[in-house]
Amino acid sequence: MKGTDGMAFTKINNSNKIRPSGTNCLMVYGYGEEALASIDRMRKETGIDELMPVPANWLGNTLAAIMDGSAIEKPYEREIPGPVCVFGAVSDYELNSFLDKFRESGLKKALFAVLTPTSREWRFGDLAGELARERKAMEKKR
């Protein structure tokens, strides 16, 4: 199945515990300290290795730069919707377990994405904008 921009959607196999190669992490933008503490607890409970909070002044960096620790202060030129959660190298099991806990948490709804080889080179702000467009298109279909 394809999204409105040609991004592929794949079905999640809830029992698959095999991680793709790469940094196992959760990049998060748009939540305050209290919510980040809850997200960090859920991350640990579901086996995701690292939480990477993304400050607003990093939104112009690529996802790869944020993941590899080379991000610098690089603001994004447009306002982006938030909050946003991007998973890196998580198994289907970890993803589904985290999303289940997230739904039960009562935290503000986020835009979610799983890092792909293509999206690694996108700026965080560009990905967030695309996720917002995808959500809007899906809501129109309902």
Protein backbone atom coordinates (compact mmCIF):
# COMPACT_ATOMS: atom_id res chain seq x y z
CA MET A 1 0.00 0.00 0.00
CA LYS A 2 1.29 3.50 -0.80
CA GLY A 3 0.77 6.79 0.99
CA THR A 4 -0.13 9.98 -0.86
CA ASP A 5 3.53 10.75 -1.58
CA GLY A 6 4.47 7.21 -2.58
CA MET A 7 5.75 6.23 0.88
CA ALA A 8 5.14 2.55 1.49
CA PHE A 9 3.10 1.20 4.36
CA THR A 10 3.74 -2.35 5.48
CA LYS A 11 1.73 -4.62 7.74
CA ILE A 12 3.18 -5.13 11.20
CA ASN A 13 3.86 -8.71 12.30
CA ASN A 14 3.31 -8.40 16.06
CA SER A 15 5.33 -11.50 16.89
CA ASN A 16 8.43 -10.50 14.88
CA LYS A 17 11.22 -9.66 17.34
CA ILE A 18 13.94 -9.28 14.70
CA ARG A 19 15.38 -5.77 14.58
CA PRO A 20 16.50 -4.23 11.31
CA SER A 21 20.12 -3.07 11.28
CA GLY A 22 20.85 0.38 12.66
CA THR A 23 20.48 2.33 15.88
CA ASN A 24 17.58 1.05 17.97
CA CYS A 25 16.01 4.25 19.25
CA LEU A 26 13.02 6.51 19.57
CA MET A 27 13.43 10.15 18.46
CA VAL A 28 10.82 12.42 20.06
CA TYR A 29 9.87 16.04 19.41
CA GLY A 30 7.17 18.18 20.97
CA TYR A 31 6.71 16.84 24.49
CA GLY A 32 7.61 18.43 27.83
CA GLU A 33 9.74 16.88 30.58
CA GLU A 34 6.91 15.01 32.30
CA ALA A 35 5.68 13.41 29.08
CA LEU A 36 9.28 12.57 28.07
CA ALA A 37 9.73 10.77 31.40
CA SER A 38 6.61 8.68 30.66
CA ILE A 39 7.81 7.97 27.12
CA ASP A 40 11.23 6.96 28.45
CA ARG A 41 9.59 4.53 30.89
CA MET A 42 7.51 3.00 28.06
CA ARG A 43 10.63 2.79 25.88
CA LYS A 44 12.47 0.84 28.57
CA GLU A 45 9.49 -1.45 29.22
CA THR A 46 9.24 -2.34 25.53
CA GLY A 47 12.98 -2.92 25.04
CA ILE A 48 13.87 0.06 22.86
CA ASP A 49 17.49 0.95 23.58
CA GLU A 50 17.63 4.74 23.46
CA LEU A 51 15.42 7.81 23.76
CA MET A 52 16.58 10.78 21.69
CA PRO A 53 14.67 13.97 22.51
CA VAL A 54 14.83 16.35 19.53
CA PRO A 55 14.89 20.05 20.48
CA ALA A 56 13.23 22.62 18.21
CA ASN A 57 16.61 24.03 17.16
CA TRP A 58 17.58 20.64 15.63
CA LEU A 59 14.57 20.23 13.31
CA GLY A 60 16.62 21.23 10.26
CA ASN A 61 19.00 18.28 10.76
CA THR A 62 18.60 14.99 8.95
CA LEU A 63 17.34 12.04 10.92
CA ALA A 64 20.71 10.35 10.27
CA ALA A 65 22.58 13.27 11.89
CA ILE A 66 20.33 13.15 14.94
CA MET A 67 20.79 9.39 15.27
CA ASP A 68 24.56 9.40 14.85
CA GLY A 69 25.11 12.28 17.28
CA SER A 70 26.33 14.80 14.70
CA ALA A 71 23.27 17.09 14.88
CA ILE A 72 24.01 20.77 15.36
CA GLU A 73 21.84 23.77 16.04
CA LYS A 74 19.90 23.98 12.79
CA PRO A 75 16.40 25.43 13.08
CA TYR A 76 13.70 24.49 10.60
CA GLU A 77 12.30 27.32 8.47
CA ARG A 78 8.61 26.44 9.00
CA GLU A 79 6.51 25.60 12.02
CA ILE A 80 5.93 21.88 12.28
CA PRO A 81 3.10 19.98 13.87
CA GLY A 82 3.95 18.13 17.00
CA PRO A 83 4.42 15.96 18.78
CA VAL A 84 6.35 13.54 16.57
CA CYS A 85 7.85 10.12 17.38
CA VAL A 86 10.24 8.39 14.97
CA PHE A 87 11.39 4.83 15.61
CA GLY A 88 14.81 3.67 14.44
CA ALA A 89 15.63 -0.01 13.88
CA VAL A 90 12.81 -1.40 16.03
CA SER A 91 11.28 -4.83 15.66
CA ASP A 92 7.58 -5.10 14.86
CA TYR A 93 7.10 -6.49 18.38
CA GLU A 94 8.83 -3.48 20.01
CA LEU A 95 6.85 -1.06 17.86
CA ASN A 96 3.49 -2.65 18.58
CA SER A 97 4.24 -3.01 22.30
CA PHE A 98 5.23 0.66 22.55
CA LEU A 99 2.16 1.83 20.61
CA ASP A 100 -0.12 -0.22 22.88
CA LYS A 101 1.42 1.39 25.97
CA PHE A 102 1.29 4.82 24.37
CA ARG A 103 -2.44 4.52 23.63
CA GLU A 104 -3.04 3.58 27.27
CA SER A 105 -0.88 6.44 28.60
CA GLY A 106 -3.24 9.32 27.88
CA LEU A 107 -0.41 11.38 26.36
CA LYS A 108 -1.22 13.82 23.57
CA LYS A 109 -1.57 12.00 20.24
CA ALA A 110 1.63 12.04 18.17
CA LEU A 111 2.58 11.63 14.55
CA PHE A 112 4.46 8.33 14.32
CA ALA A 113 6.96 7.06 11.75
CA VAL A 114 9.48 4.27 11.38
CA LEU A 115 12.82 5.27 9.92
CA THR A 116 13.51 3.92 6.44
CA PRO A 117 16.69 4.04 4.33
CA THR A 118 15.11 6.92 2.37
CA SER A 119 13.80 8.90 5.34
CA ARG A 120 17.21 8.74 7.10
CA GLU A 121 18.33 11.55 4.79
CA TRP A 122 15.24 13.69 5.31
CA ARG A 123 15.30 16.64 7.65
CA PHE A 124 13.26 15.99 10.79
CA GLY A 125 10.99 18.94 9.97
CA ASP A 126 10.36 17.64 6.43
CA LEU A 127 9.35 14.23 7.79
CA ALA A 128 7.03 15.82 10.35
CA GLY A 129 5.36 17.88 7.62
CA GLU A 130 4.90 14.81 5.44
CA LEU A 131 3.41 12.86 8.35
CA ALA A 132 0.94 15.68 8.96
CA ARG A 133 -0.08 15.66 5.26
CA GLU A 134 -0.51 11.88 5.37
CA ARG A 135 -2.70 12.10 8.48
CA LYS A 136 -4.84 14.83 6.92
CA ALA A 137 -5.30 12.79 3.72
CA MET A 138 -6.29 9.70 5.72
CA GLU A 139 -8.76 11.69 7.81
CA LYS A 140 -10.38 13.06 4.63
CA LYS A 141 -10.95 9.50 3.39
CA ARG A 142 -12.88 8.61 6.55
